[in-house]
Amino acid sequence: MRSLLWFRKGLRLHDNPALARACEGAAAVQPIFVLDPWFLSPERVGANRVRFLLESLEDLDASLRARGSTLLVLHGDPVKVVPAALERWRCGQLCYEADSEPYALTRDMAVTAAANALGVEVHAAVSHTLYDTEKLLAKCPKGEPPTVYNSFLKIAASLGPPPKPVPAPPAKFPGPLGADLVADLGALVTGHGIPTLEALGYPSLPVGKGFPARWGWLSRTGIELMV
């Protein structure tokens, strides 16, 4: 079976349940990240934040290459790009990290519906938060979030301790599907690869301005910024 591993916020290999699921029994795993034009505009997201994202993608790609894989960065609307990739690359499952933000919920609902229509299994792992927010809300009276911290602590305690970290990723991933995949998506993809700030319409940031490049190690801790 072929797996499509869709990175979003969790730009890391360690303690990544979606990654573990994608590799389980798969003959090939293709990691992707989709640069969504909805986010990438100077009016919505600042240059420092985008630079950190791009540095994190470079770090993630280097980590994947060390394990015989590679990160394919696609530019376009995920609602169109991801289902098209699943169909044209003949993938049997889609794995990603669940996201509870409003835009992400709408996006993921549309992607999941399209994937299911193709007969693709979808696995959305909870790992951006310690607890599954849906399970927390189910414990709340009338399904409304608590407004007092002590009430939240009681609800969280009723779920028991958070899940333990998943095992370390394999030293060698199931092979990627190949770099010629971008051409299969045609006009749905407006570009590919990790771009520069300038290519995304942002001004260049001189060294020493904003977050220094040496902070790029934060991308390995699970502290991610967007999408």
N, C-alpha and C. Protein backbone atom coordinates (compact mmCIF):
# COMPACT_ATOMS: atom_id res chain seq x y z
N MET A 1 0.84 -1.20 0.00
CA MET A 1 0.00 0.00 0.00
C MET A 1 0.87 1.25 0.00
N ARG A 2 0.43 2.27 -0.69
CA ARG A 2 1.12 3.56 -0.72
C ARG A 2 0.45 4.52 0.27
N SER A 3 1.28 5.24 1.03
CA SER A 3 0.76 6.19 2.02
C SER A 3 1.18 7.61 1.64
N LEU A 4 0.27 8.54 1.83
CA LEU A 4 0.58 9.96 1.69
C LEU A 4 0.63 10.55 3.10
N LEU A 5 1.79 11.07 3.49
CA LEU A 5 1.98 11.67 4.81
C LEU A 5 1.98 13.18 4.65
N TRP A 6 0.92 13.81 5.14
CA TRP A 6 0.72 15.24 4.96
C TRP A 6 1.16 15.98 6.21
N PHE A 7 2.33 16.62 6.15
CA PHE A 7 2.81 17.43 7.26
C PHE A 7 2.07 18.76 7.26
N ARG A 8 1.76 19.24 8.47
CA ARG A 8 1.12 20.55 8.60
C ARG A 8 1.81 21.33 9.73
N LYS A 9 1.33 21.19 10.97
CA LYS A 9 1.97 21.89 12.09
C LYS A 9 3.12 21.08 12.68
N GLY A 10 2.94 19.78 12.77
CA GLY A 10 3.95 18.93 13.40
C GLY A 10 5.12 18.65 12.49
N LEU A 11 6.00 19.63 12.32
CA LEU A 11 7.12 19.48 11.38
C LEU A 11 8.29 18.79 12.09
N ARG A 12 8.07 17.55 12.47
CA ARG A 12 9.07 16.79 13.21
C ARG A 12 8.92 15.31 12.88
N LEU A 13 9.98 14.55 13.15
CA LEU A 13 9.93 13.10 12.96
C LEU A 13 9.70 12.38 14.28
N HIS A 14 10.20 12.93 15.37
CA HIS A 14 10.04 12.26 16.66
C HIS A 14 8.60 12.42 17.18
N ASP A 15 8.14 11.42 17.91
CA ASP A 15 6.81 11.44 18.52
C ASP A 15 5.75 11.96 17.54
N ASN A 16 5.68 11.31 16.38
CA ASN A 16 4.74 11.72 15.33
C ASN A 16 3.84 10.54 14.97
N PRO A 17 2.66 10.44 15.62
CA PRO A 17 1.78 9.30 15.36
C PRO A 17 1.33 9.17 13.91
N ALA A 18 1.14 10.29 13.22
CA ALA A 18 0.73 10.23 11.82
C ALA A 18 1.83 9.59 10.97
N LEU A 19 3.06 9.92 11.26
CA LEU A 19 4.19 9.33 10.55
C LEU A 19 4.27 7.83 10.82
N ALA A 20 4.12 7.47 12.09
CA ALA A 20 4.19 6.05 12.45
C ALA A 20 3.11 5.26 11.72
N ARG A 21 1.91 5.82 11.65
CA ARG A 21 0.81 5.13 10.97
C ARG A 21 1.06 5.04 9.47
N ALA A 22 1.61 6.09 8.88
CA ALA A 22 1.87 6.09 7.44
C ALA A 22 2.88 5.02 7.06
N CYS A 23 3.87 4.79 7.93
CA CYS A 23 4.93 3.82 7.62
C CYS A 23 4.51 2.38 7.89
N GLU A 24 3.48 2.20 8.71
CA GLU A 24 3.09 0.86 9.14
C GLU A 24 2.57 0.04 7.95
N GLY A 25 3.34 -0.96 7.54
CA GLY A 25 2.92 -1.86 6.47
C GLY A 25 2.89 -1.24 5.09
N ALA A 26 3.45 -0.05 4.91
CA ALA A 26 3.40 0.63 3.62
C ALA A 26 4.57 0.22 2.74
N ALA A 27 4.29 0.05 1.46
CA ALA A 27 5.36 -0.23 0.50
C ALA A 27 6.08 1.06 0.12
N ALA A 28 5.40 2.19 0.19
CA ALA A 28 5.99 3.49 -0.12
C ALA A 28 5.26 4.56 0.67
N VAL A 29 6.01 5.55 1.13
CA VAL A 29 5.45 6.68 1.86
C VAL A 29 5.96 7.96 1.22
N GLN A 30 5.05 8.84 0.82
CA GLN A 30 5.45 10.12 0.25
C GLN A 30 5.08 11.25 1.21
N PRO A 31 6.07 11.86 1.88
CA PRO A 31 5.79 13.01 2.74
C PRO A 31 5.57 14.26 1.88
N ILE A 32 4.56 15.04 2.23
CA ILE A 32 4.32 16.30 1.52
C ILE A 32 4.03 17.41 2.52
N PHE A 33 4.24 18.63 2.09
CA PHE A 33 3.76 19.83 2.78
C PHE A 33 3.17 20.72 1.70
N VAL A 34 2.02 21.30 1.97
CA VAL A 34 1.35 22.14 0.97
C VAL A 34 1.39 23.59 1.43
N LEU A 35 2.05 24.43 0.66
CA LEU A 35 2.07 25.87 0.94
C LEU A 35 0.74 26.46 0.47
N ASP A 36 -0.12 26.74 1.43
CA ASP A 36 -1.48 27.18 1.16
C ASP A 36 -1.49 28.69 0.93
N PRO A 37 -1.94 29.16 -0.23
CA PRO A 37 -1.97 30.60 -0.49
C PRO A 37 -2.88 31.36 0.47
N TRP A 38 -3.81 30.66 1.11
CA TRP A 38 -4.69 31.33 2.08
C TRP A 38 -3.87 31.91 3.23
N PHE A 39 -2.77 31.22 3.61
CA PHE A 39 -1.93 31.69 4.70
C PHE A 39 -0.85 32.65 4.22
N LEU A 40 -0.28 32.36 3.06
CA LEU A 40 0.96 33.02 2.66
C LEU A 40 0.70 34.35 1.98
N SER A 41 0.30 35.32 2.78
CA SER A 41 0.15 36.68 2.28
C SER A 41 0.66 37.61 3.38
N PRO A 42 1.40 38.65 3.02
CA PRO A 42 1.94 39.57 4.02
C PRO A 42 0.86 40.20 4.90
N GLU A 43 -0.36 40.32 4.38
CA GLU A 43 -1.43 40.91 5.17
C GLU A 43 -1.87 39.99 6.32
N ARG A 44 -1.67 38.68 6.14
CA ARG A 44 -2.15 37.73 7.13
C ARG A 44 -1.03 37.19 8.02
N VAL A 45 0.13 36.93 7.44
CA VAL A 45 1.24 36.31 8.16
C VAL A 45 2.51 37.11 7.94
N GLY A 46 3.22 37.44 9.02
CA GLY A 46 4.42 38.25 8.94
C GLY A 46 5.63 37.50 8.39
N ALA A 47 6.63 38.27 7.98
CA ALA A 47 7.82 37.71 7.34
C ALA A 47 8.62 36.83 8.29
N ASN A 48 8.75 37.21 9.56
CA ASN A 48 9.50 36.39 10.50
C ASN A 48 8.88 35.01 10.66
N ARG A 49 7.58 34.99 10.73
CA ARG A 49 6.87 33.72 10.90
C ARG A 49 7.07 32.82 9.68
N VAL A 50 6.98 33.41 8.50
CA VAL A 50 7.15 32.62 7.28
C VAL A 50 8.60 32.15 7.14
N ARG A 51 9.56 33.00 7.50
CA ARG A 51 10.95 32.57 7.42
C ARG A 51 11.19 31.37 8.33
N PHE A 52 10.64 31.41 9.53
CA PHE A 52 10.80 30.27 10.44
C PHE A 52 10.16 29.01 9.86
N LEU A 53 9.00 29.17 9.22
CA LEU A 53 8.37 28.03 8.57
C LEU A 53 9.28 27.43 7.50
N LEU A 54 9.84 28.28 6.64
CA LEU A 54 10.70 27.80 5.56
C LEU A 54 11.95 27.11 6.11
N GLU A 55 12.53 27.67 7.17
CA GLU A 55 13.69 27.04 7.79
C GLU A 55 13.31 25.68 8.39
N SER A 56 12.11 25.60 8.96
CA SER A 56 11.65 24.34 9.53
C SER A 56 11.44 23.29 8.46
N LEU A 57 10.93 23.70 7.30
CA LEU A 57 10.76 22.76 6.19
C LEU A 57 12.12 22.26 5.69
N GLU A 58 13.11 23.13 5.63
CA GLU A 58 14.45 22.70 5.22
C GLU A 58 15.02 21.69 6.21
N ASP A 59 14.81 21.94 7.49
CA ASP A 59 15.28 21.02 8.52
C ASP A 59 14.57 19.67 8.43
N LEU A 60 13.26 19.71 8.21
CA LEU A 60 12.49 18.47 8.08
C LEU A 60 12.94 17.68 6.85
N ASP A 61 13.16 18.36 5.74
CA ASP A 61 13.62 17.67 4.53
C ASP A 61 14.97 17.01 4.76
N ALA A 62 15.88 17.70 5.46
CA ALA A 62 17.19 17.12 5.75
C ALA A 62 17.06 15.88 6.61
N SER A 63 16.16 15.92 7.59
CA SER A 63 15.94 14.76 8.45
C SER A 63 15.37 13.58 7.67
N LEU A 64 14.47 13.86 6.74
CA LEU A 64 13.90 12.80 5.91
C LEU A 64 14.95 12.21 4.96
N ARG A 65 15.76 13.07 4.37
CA ARG A 65 16.79 12.59 3.45
C ARG A 65 17.79 11.68 4.16
N ALA A 66 18.05 11.95 5.43
CA ALA A 66 18.96 11.11 6.20
C ALA A 66 18.38 9.71 6.40
N ARG A 67 17.08 9.58 6.17
CA ARG A 67 16.41 8.29 6.32
C ARG A 67 15.93 7.73 4.99
N GLY A 68 16.50 8.21 3.90
CA GLY A 68 16.19 7.68 2.58
C GLY A 68 14.90 8.19 1.98
N SER A 69 14.35 9.29 2.51
CA SER A 69 13.11 9.84 2.00
C SER A 69 13.35 11.29 1.60
N THR A 70 12.29 12.01 1.31
CA THR A 70 12.41 13.43 0.96
C THR A 70 11.05 14.10 1.13
N LEU A 71 11.07 15.39 1.41
CA LEU A 71 9.84 16.15 1.58
C LEU A 71 9.50 16.83 0.26
N LEU A 72 8.29 16.58 -0.22
CA LEU A 72 7.81 17.21 -1.44
C LEU A 72 6.92 18.39 -1.04
N VAL A 73 7.38 19.60 -1.32
CA VAL A 73 6.64 20.82 -0.97
C VAL A 73 5.87 21.29 -2.19
N LEU A 74 4.55 21.29 -2.07
CA LEU A 74 3.66 21.68 -3.16
C LEU A 74 3.03 23.03 -2.86
N HIS A 75 2.79 23.83 -3.88
CA HIS A 75 2.16 25.13 -3.72
C HIS A 75 0.76 25.07 -4.32
N GLY A 76 -0.26 25.36 -3.51
CA GLY A 76 -1.61 25.33 -4.04
C GLY A 76 -2.63 25.13 -2.94
N ASP A 77 -3.88 25.03 -3.31
CA ASP A 77 -4.98 24.84 -2.37
C ASP A 77 -5.01 23.37 -1.92
N PRO A 78 -4.80 23.08 -0.63
CA PRO A 78 -4.78 21.69 -0.18
C PRO A 78 -6.06 20.92 -0.50
N VAL A 79 -7.19 21.60 -0.50
CA VAL A 79 -8.46 20.92 -0.77
C VAL A 79 -8.47 20.33 -2.18
N LYS A 80 -7.72 20.94 -3.09
CA LYS A 80 -7.63 20.42 -4.46
C LYS A 80 -6.39 19.56 -4.65
N VAL A 81 -5.27 19.98 -4.08
CA VAL A 81 -4.00 19.32 -4.31
C VAL A 81 -3.94 17.94 -3.66
N VAL A 82 -4.35 17.84 -2.40
CA VAL A 82 -4.20 16.56 -1.67
C VAL A 82 -5.06 15.45 -2.28
N PRO A 83 -6.37 15.66 -2.54
CA PRO A 83 -7.15 14.59 -3.18
C PRO A 83 -6.59 14.21 -4.56
N ALA A 84 -6.14 15.20 -5.32
CA ALA A 84 -5.58 14.89 -6.65
C ALA A 84 -4.33 14.03 -6.51
N ALA A 85 -3.50 14.33 -5.52
CA ALA A 85 -2.29 13.53 -5.31
C ALA A 85 -2.65 12.11 -4.91
N LEU A 86 -3.64 11.96 -4.06
CA LEU A 86 -4.07 10.62 -3.64
C LEU A 86 -4.52 9.79 -4.84
N GLU A 87 -5.27 10.42 -5.73
CA GLU A 87 -5.81 9.70 -6.88
C GLU A 87 -4.72 9.40 -7.92
N ARG A 88 -3.94 10.39 -8.27
CA ARG A 88 -2.99 10.22 -9.36
C ARG A 88 -1.75 9.44 -8.94
N TRP A 89 -1.46 9.44 -7.64
CA TRP A 89 -0.31 8.68 -7.17
C TRP A 89 -0.71 7.30 -6.63
N ARG A 90 -2.03 7.01 -6.72
CA ARG A 90 -2.58 5.70 -6.32
C ARG A 90 -2.22 5.35 -4.87
N CYS A 91 -2.51 6.27 -3.99
CA CYS A 91 -2.26 6.06 -2.56
C CYS A 91 -3.48 5.42 -1.90
N GLY A 92 -3.24 4.52 -0.97
CA GLY A 92 -4.33 3.83 -0.28
C GLY A 92 -4.71 4.46 1.04
N GLN A 93 -3.81 5.31 1.60
CA GLN A 93 -4.16 5.96 2.84
C GLN A 93 -3.51 7.34 2.94
N LEU A 94 -4.18 8.20 3.69
CA LEU A 94 -3.73 9.55 3.96
C LEU A 94 -3.59 9.71 5.47
N CYS A 95 -2.42 10.17 5.92
CA CYS A 95 -2.17 10.35 7.35
C CYS A 95 -1.73 11.78 7.62
N TYR A 96 -2.32 12.38 8.65
CA TYR A 96 -1.94 13.73 9.02
C TYR A 96 -2.26 13.97 10.49
N GLU A 97 -1.75 15.08 11.02
CA GLU A 97 -2.00 15.46 12.40
C GLU A 97 -3.28 16.29 12.49
N ALA A 98 -4.17 15.91 13.40
CA ALA A 98 -5.44 16.62 13.54
C ALA A 98 -5.20 18.06 13.98
N ASP A 99 -6.08 18.94 13.53
CA ASP A 99 -5.98 20.37 13.84
C ASP A 99 -7.36 20.85 14.24
N SER A 100 -7.44 21.65 15.30
CA SER A 100 -8.74 22.08 15.82
C SER A 100 -9.09 23.52 15.46
N GLU A 101 -8.26 24.20 14.67
CA GLU A 101 -8.56 25.57 14.30
C GLU A 101 -9.69 25.60 13.26
N PRO A 102 -10.52 26.66 13.27
CA PRO A 102 -11.70 26.70 12.39
C PRO A 102 -11.39 26.49 10.92
N TYR A 103 -10.40 27.21 10.39
CA TYR A 103 -10.06 27.04 8.97
C TYR A 103 -9.62 25.62 8.69
N ALA A 104 -8.80 25.06 9.58
CA ALA A 104 -8.30 23.71 9.38
C ALA A 104 -9.43 22.69 9.42
N LEU A 105 -10.40 22.88 10.30
CA LEU A 105 -11.51 21.93 10.38
C LEU A 105 -12.29 21.88 9.07
N THR A 106 -12.55 23.05 8.50
CA THR A 106 -13.27 23.11 7.22
C THR A 106 -12.44 22.47 6.11
N ARG A 107 -11.16 22.81 6.06
CA ARG A 107 -10.25 22.24 5.06
C ARG A 107 -10.18 20.72 5.17
N ASP A 108 -9.98 20.23 6.38
CA ASP A 108 -9.79 18.79 6.57
C ASP A 108 -11.07 18.01 6.31
N MET A 109 -12.22 18.61 6.60
CA MET A 109 -13.48 17.94 6.30
C MET A 109 -13.63 17.75 4.80
N ALA A 110 -13.26 18.77 4.03
CA ALA A 110 -13.37 18.68 2.57
C ALA A 110 -12.37 17.66 2.01
N VAL A 111 -11.14 17.67 2.53
CA VAL A 111 -10.13 16.72 2.05
C VAL A 111 -10.53 15.29 2.40
N THR A 112 -11.02 15.09 3.62
CA THR A 112 -11.42 13.75 4.04
C THR A 112 -12.58 13.22 3.20
N ALA A 113 -13.56 14.07 2.91
CA ALA A 113 -14.70 13.64 2.08
C ALA A 113 -14.22 13.23 0.69
N ALA A 114 -13.30 14.01 0.12
CA ALA A 114 -12.79 13.67 -1.21
C ALA A 114 -11.97 12.38 -1.17
N ALA A 115 -11.19 12.20 -0.11
CA ALA A 115 -10.39 10.98 0.02
C ALA A 115 -11.29 9.75 0.17
N ASN A 116 -12.31 9.87 1.00
CA ASN A 116 -13.23 8.75 1.20
C ASN A 116 -13.94 8.38 -0.10
N ALA A 117 -14.26 9.38 -0.91
CA ALA A 117 -14.91 9.12 -2.19
C ALA A 117 -14.00 8.33 -3.12
N LEU A 118 -12.69 8.44 -2.90
CA LEU A 118 -11.71 7.70 -3.70
C LEU A 118 -11.40 6.33 -3.09
N GLY A 119 -12.01 6.02 -1.94
CA GLY A 119 -11.73 4.76 -1.28
C GLY A 119 -10.44 4.78 -0.48
N VAL A 120 -9.96 5.97 -0.14
CA VAL A 120 -8.71 6.13 0.61
C VAL A 120 -9.00 6.16 2.11
N GLU A 121 -8.23 5.42 2.89
CA GLU A 121 -8.34 5.47 4.34
C GLU A 121 -7.69 6.76 4.85
N VAL A 122 -8.35 7.42 5.78
CA VAL A 122 -7.83 8.66 6.35
C VAL A 122 -7.60 8.47 7.84
N HIS A 123 -6.40 8.82 8.29
CA HIS A 123 -6.05 8.71 9.70
C HIS A 123 -5.56 10.08 10.18
N ALA A 124 -6.33 10.68 11.08
CA ALA A 124 -5.97 11.98 11.65
C ALA A 124 -5.55 11.76 13.10
N ALA A 125 -4.26 11.83 13.34
CA ALA A 125 -3.72 11.55 14.68
C ALA A 125 -3.72 12.81 15.54
N VAL A 126 -4.05 12.63 16.81
CA VAL A 126 -4.00 13.74 17.76
C VAL A 126 -2.60 13.80 18.35
N SER A 127 -1.87 14.87 18.03
CA SER A 127 -0.52 15.00 18.59
C SER A 127 -0.07 16.44 18.73
N HIS A 128 -0.86 17.38 18.23
CA HIS A 128 -0.50 18.79 18.41
C HIS A 128 -0.86 19.26 19.81
N THR A 129 -1.82 18.58 20.43
CA THR A 129 -2.21 18.87 21.81
C THR A 129 -2.01 17.61 22.64
N LEU A 130 -1.84 17.79 23.95
CA LEU A 130 -1.63 16.63 24.83
C LEU A 130 -2.86 15.74 24.86
N TYR A 131 -4.03 16.35 24.84
CA TYR A 131 -5.28 15.59 24.89
C TYR A 131 -6.10 15.83 23.62
N ASP A 132 -6.94 14.89 23.33
CA ASP A 132 -7.89 15.03 22.23
C ASP A 132 -8.93 16.06 22.65
N THR A 133 -8.99 17.21 21.97
CA THR A 133 -9.91 18.27 22.38
C THR A 133 -11.37 17.83 22.29
N GLU A 134 -11.68 16.95 21.35
CA GLU A 134 -13.06 16.47 21.24
C GLU A 134 -13.46 15.65 22.47
N LYS A 135 -12.52 14.85 22.98
CA LYS A 135 -12.80 14.07 24.19
C LYS A 135 -12.94 14.98 25.41
N LEU A 136 -12.14 16.03 25.45
CA LEU A 136 -12.26 16.98 26.55
C LEU A 136 -13.63 17.67 26.54
N LEU A 137 -14.05 18.10 25.34
CA LEU A 137 -15.34 18.78 25.23
C LEU A 137 -16.50 17.84 25.58
N ALA A 138 -16.34 16.56 25.25
CA ALA A 138 -17.39 15.59 25.56
C ALA A 138 -17.58 15.44 27.06
N LYS A 139 -16.56 15.75 27.84
CA LYS A 139 -16.64 15.66 29.29
C LYS A 139 -17.21 16.94 29.93
N CYS A 140 -17.33 18.00 29.13
CA CYS A 140 -17.79 19.28 29.66
C CYS A 140 -19.32 19.32 29.72
N PRO A 141 -19.88 19.93 30.75
CA PRO A 141 -21.34 20.11 30.81
C PRO A 141 -21.83 20.89 29.60
N LYS A 142 -22.81 20.32 28.91
CA LYS A 142 -23.41 20.93 27.72
C LYS A 142 -22.39 21.10 26.58
N GLY A 143 -21.25 20.44 26.70
CA GLY A 143 -20.25 20.53 25.65
C GLY A 143 -19.58 21.88 25.55
N GLU A 144 -19.65 22.68 26.60
CA GLU A 144 -19.06 24.02 26.58
C GLU A 144 -17.75 24.01 27.34
N PRO A 145 -16.69 24.62 26.79
CA PRO A 145 -15.39 24.62 27.45
C PRO A 145 -15.47 25.30 28.82
N PRO A 146 -14.70 24.83 29.79
CA PRO A 146 -14.70 25.45 31.11
C PRO A 146 -14.06 26.83 31.06
N THR A 147 -14.51 27.70 31.92
CA THR A 147 -13.94 29.05 32.01
C THR A 147 -13.07 29.22 33.24
N VAL A 148 -12.99 28.19 34.06
CA VAL A 148 -12.17 28.22 35.27
C VAL A 148 -11.11 27.14 35.15
N TYR A 149 -9.87 27.47 35.49
CA TYR A 149 -8.76 26.55 35.29
C TYR A 149 -8.93 25.27 36.12
N ASN A 150 -9.42 25.39 37.34
CA ASN A 150 -9.60 24.19 38.17
C ASN A 150 -10.58 23.21 37.53
N SER A 151 -11.61 23.75 36.89
CA SER A 151 -12.58 22.88 36.21
C SER A 151 -11.91 22.14 35.05
N PHE A 152 -11.04 22.85 34.33
CA PHE A 152 -10.31 22.20 33.24
C PHE A 152 -9.42 21.09 33.77
N LEU A 153 -8.75 21.34 34.88
CA LEU A 153 -7.86 20.32 35.46
C LEU A 153 -8.64 19.07 35.84
N LYS A 154 -9.82 19.23 36.39
CA LYS A 154 -10.65 18.08 36.77
C LYS A 154 -11.06 17.27 35.54
N ILE A 155 -11.43 17.98 34.47
CA ILE A 155 -11.84 17.29 33.24
C ILE A 155 -10.67 16.55 32.64
N ALA A 156 -9.51 17.20 32.61
CA ALA A 156 -8.32 16.56 32.06
C ALA A 156 -7.93 15.34 32.89
N ALA A 157 -8.02 15.47 34.20
CA ALA A 157 -7.66 14.35 35.08
C ALA A 157 -8.57 13.16 34.87
N SER A 158 -9.83 13.42 34.49
CA SER A 158 -10.77 12.32 34.29
C SER A 158 -10.40 11.47 33.07
N LEU A 159 -9.57 12.02 32.17
CA LEU A 159 -9.14 11.27 30.99
C LEU A 159 -7.87 10.46 31.25
N GLY A 160 -7.28 10.64 32.43
CA GLY A 160 -6.04 9.93 32.72
C GLY A 160 -4.84 10.65 32.13
N PRO A 161 -3.66 10.08 32.23
CA PRO A 161 -2.46 10.73 31.69
C PRO A 161 -2.50 10.80 30.17
N PRO A 162 -1.81 11.78 29.59
CA PRO A 162 -1.75 11.87 28.12
C PRO A 162 -1.07 10.63 27.53
N PRO A 163 -1.34 10.32 26.28
CA PRO A 163 -0.68 9.17 25.64
C PRO A 163 0.84 9.30 25.68
N LYS A 164 1.51 8.18 25.78
CA LYS A 164 2.97 8.19 25.77
C LYS A 164 3.48 8.48 24.36
N PRO A 165 4.71 9.01 24.23
CA PRO A 165 5.27 9.25 22.90
C PRO A 165 5.35 7.96 22.09
N VAL A 166 5.14 8.06 20.80
CA VAL A 166 5.24 6.89 19.93
C VAL A 166 6.72 6.55 19.74
N PRO A 167 7.03 5.32 19.34
CA PRO A 167 8.44 4.94 19.14
C PRO A 167 9.15 5.81 18.12
N ALA A 168 10.47 5.82 18.19
CA ALA A 168 11.29 6.60 17.26
C ALA A 168 11.01 6.17 15.82
N PRO A 169 11.11 7.09 14.87
CA PRO A 169 10.86 6.73 13.46
C PRO A 169 11.89 5.74 12.97
N PRO A 170 11.56 4.99 11.92
CA PRO A 170 12.52 4.00 11.39
C PRO A 170 13.78 4.68 10.86
N ALA A 171 14.90 3.95 10.93
CA ALA A 171 16.16 4.49 10.42
C ALA A 171 16.10 4.70 8.91
N LYS A 172 15.27 3.91 8.25
CA LYS A 172 15.07 4.07 6.80
C LYS A 172 13.59 3.97 6.50
N PHE A 173 13.04 5.00 5.87
CA PHE A 173 11.62 5.02 5.55
C PHE A 173 11.34 4.18 4.31
N PRO A 174 10.08 3.71 4.19
CA PRO A 174 9.68 3.13 2.90
C PRO A 174 9.90 4.16 1.80
N GLY A 175 10.39 3.74 0.67
CA GLY A 175 10.82 4.65 -0.39
C GLY A 175 9.75 5.64 -0.81
N PRO A 176 10.16 6.89 -1.12
CA PRO A 176 9.21 7.86 -1.67
C PRO A 176 8.80 7.45 -3.09
N LEU A 177 7.79 8.10 -3.61
CA LEU A 177 7.24 7.70 -4.90
C LEU A 177 8.01 8.25 -6.08
N GLY A 178 8.82 9.29 -5.88
CA GLY A 178 9.62 9.81 -6.99
C GLY A 178 9.37 11.29 -7.24
N ALA A 179 10.40 12.00 -7.71
CA ALA A 179 10.34 13.45 -7.88
C ALA A 179 9.49 13.87 -9.07
N ASP A 180 9.17 12.96 -9.99
CA ASP A 180 8.40 13.33 -11.17
C ASP A 180 6.90 13.45 -10.87
N LEU A 181 6.53 13.33 -9.59
CA LEU A 181 5.12 13.33 -9.22
C LEU A 181 4.46 14.69 -9.44
N VAL A 182 5.22 15.76 -9.35
CA VAL A 182 4.63 17.09 -9.45
C VAL A 182 3.93 17.27 -10.79
N ALA A 183 4.54 16.76 -11.85
CA ALA A 183 3.95 16.91 -13.19
C ALA A 183 2.58 16.25 -13.28
N ASP A 184 2.36 15.21 -12.48
CA ASP A 184 1.08 14.50 -12.52
C ASP A 184 -0.08 15.37 -12.04
N LEU A 185 0.21 16.42 -11.26
CA LEU A 185 -0.85 17.24 -10.69
C LEU A 185 -1.24 18.41 -11.57
N GLY A 186 -0.47 18.64 -12.62
CA GLY A 186 -0.83 19.65 -13.60
C GLY A 186 -1.01 21.03 -13.01
N ALA A 187 -2.08 21.71 -13.43
CA ALA A 187 -2.32 23.10 -13.07
C ALA A 187 -2.76 23.28 -11.62
N LEU A 188 -3.07 22.19 -10.92
CA LEU A 188 -3.48 22.32 -9.51
C LEU A 188 -2.34 22.82 -8.64
N VAL A 189 -1.10 22.59 -9.08
CA VAL A 189 0.07 23.02 -8.32
C VAL A 189 0.66 24.25 -8.99
N THR A 190 0.79 25.33 -8.23
CA THR A 190 1.32 26.57 -8.77
C THR A 190 2.84 26.65 -8.65
N GLY A 191 3.44 25.66 -8.00
CA GLY A 191 4.88 25.61 -7.85
C GLY A 191 5.24 24.46 -6.93
N HIS A 192 6.53 24.21 -6.75
CA HIS A 192 6.96 23.18 -5.83
C HIS A 192 8.35 23.51 -5.31
N GLY A 193 8.74 22.85 -4.25
CA GLY A 193 10.01 23.12 -3.62
C GLY A 193 9.87 24.18 -2.54
N ILE A 194 10.92 24.34 -1.72
CA ILE A 194 10.90 25.33 -0.65
C ILE A 194 11.34 26.68 -1.23
N PRO A 195 10.44 27.65 -1.27
CA PRO A 195 10.77 28.92 -1.91
C PRO A 195 11.54 29.85 -0.97
N THR A 196 11.93 30.99 -1.49
CA THR A 196 12.52 32.04 -0.67
C THR A 196 11.41 32.98 -0.19
N LEU A 197 11.73 33.80 0.80
CA LEU A 197 10.77 34.81 1.24
C LEU A 197 10.37 35.71 0.08
N GLU A 198 11.37 36.12 -0.70
CA GLU A 198 11.12 37.04 -1.80
C GLU A 198 10.17 36.44 -2.84
N ALA A 199 10.32 35.14 -3.08
CA ALA A 199 9.46 34.48 -4.06
C ALA A 199 8.01 34.45 -3.60
N LEU A 200 7.80 34.54 -2.29
CA LEU A 200 6.44 34.54 -1.74
C LEU A 200 5.88 35.96 -1.59
N GLY A 201 6.64 36.95 -2.05
CA GLY A 201 6.15 38.32 -1.99
C GLY A 201 6.53 39.07 -0.73
N TYR A 202 7.45 38.52 0.06
CA TYR A 202 7.89 39.17 1.29
C TYR A 202 9.23 39.88 1.06
N PRO A 203 9.49 40.94 1.82
CA PRO A 203 10.81 41.57 1.73
C PRO A 203 11.87 40.68 2.37
N SER A 204 13.10 40.77 1.92
CA SER A 204 14.17 39.98 2.52
C SER A 204 14.43 40.49 3.93
N LEU A 205 14.83 39.58 4.82
CA LEU A 205 15.14 39.94 6.20
C LEU A 205 16.64 39.86 6.41
N PRO A 206 17.29 40.97 6.74
CA PRO A 206 18.73 40.93 7.00
C PRO A 206 19.04 40.02 8.19
N VAL A 207 20.21 39.43 8.19
CA VAL A 207 20.63 38.59 9.30
C VAL A 207 20.64 39.43 10.56
N GLY A 208 20.05 38.88 11.63
CA GLY A 208 19.99 39.61 12.89
C GLY A 208 18.68 40.31 13.11
N LYS A 209 17.85 40.41 12.07
CA LYS A 209 16.54 41.02 12.22
C LYS A 209 15.51 39.94 12.50
N GLY A 210 14.66 40.17 13.47
CA GLY A 210 13.64 39.19 13.81
C GLY A 210 14.26 38.00 14.50
N PHE A 211 13.68 36.80 14.31
CA PHE A 211 14.20 35.60 14.94
C PHE A 211 15.48 35.16 14.23
N PRO A 212 16.59 34.97 14.96
CA PRO A 212 17.82 34.53 14.31
C PRO A 212 17.71 33.13 13.77
N ALA A 213 18.50 32.85 12.73
CA ALA A 213 18.43 31.55 12.07
C ALA A 213 18.78 30.41 13.03
N ARG A 214 19.60 30.70 14.06
CA ARG A 214 19.99 29.62 14.96
C ARG A 214 18.82 29.07 15.75
N TRP A 215 17.69 29.77 15.76
CA TRP A 215 16.51 29.27 16.44
C TRP A 215 15.80 28.19 15.64
N GLY A 216 16.33 27.84 14.48
CA GLY A 216 15.68 26.83 13.65
C GLY A 216 15.54 25.49 14.34
N TRP A 217 16.37 25.23 15.39
CA TRP A 217 16.25 23.96 16.10
C TRP A 217 14.90 23.79 16.76
N LEU A 218 14.19 24.88 16.98
CA LEU A 218 12.88 24.77 17.62
C LEU A 218 11.91 23.93 16.81
N SER A 219 12.16 23.80 15.50
CA SER A 219 11.26 23.01 14.67
C SER A 219 11.29 21.54 15.05
N ARG A 220 12.32 21.12 15.80
CA ARG A 220 12.41 19.72 16.20
C ARG A 220 11.67 19.47 17.51
N THR A 221 11.21 20.51 18.17
CA THR A 221 10.59 20.34 19.47
C THR A 221 9.07 20.20 19.36
N GLY A 222 8.54 20.39 18.16
CA GLY A 222 7.09 20.37 18.03
C GLY A 222 6.49 21.75 18.13
N ILE A 223 7.31 22.81 18.22
CA ILE A 223 6.79 24.17 18.25
C ILE A 223 6.70 24.65 16.81
N GLU A 224 5.52 24.53 16.21
CA GLU A 224 5.37 24.91 14.82
C GLU A 224 4.42 26.07 14.69
N LEU A 225 4.41 26.70 13.54
CA LEU A 225 3.79 27.99 13.44
C LEU A 225 2.47 28.06 12.69
N MET A 226 2.32 27.27 11.65
CA MET A 226 1.14 27.51 10.82
C MET A 226 0.81 26.30 9.98
N VAL A 227 -0.38 26.32 9.46
CA VAL A 227 -0.90 25.28 8.58
C VAL A 227 -0.80 23.99 9.33
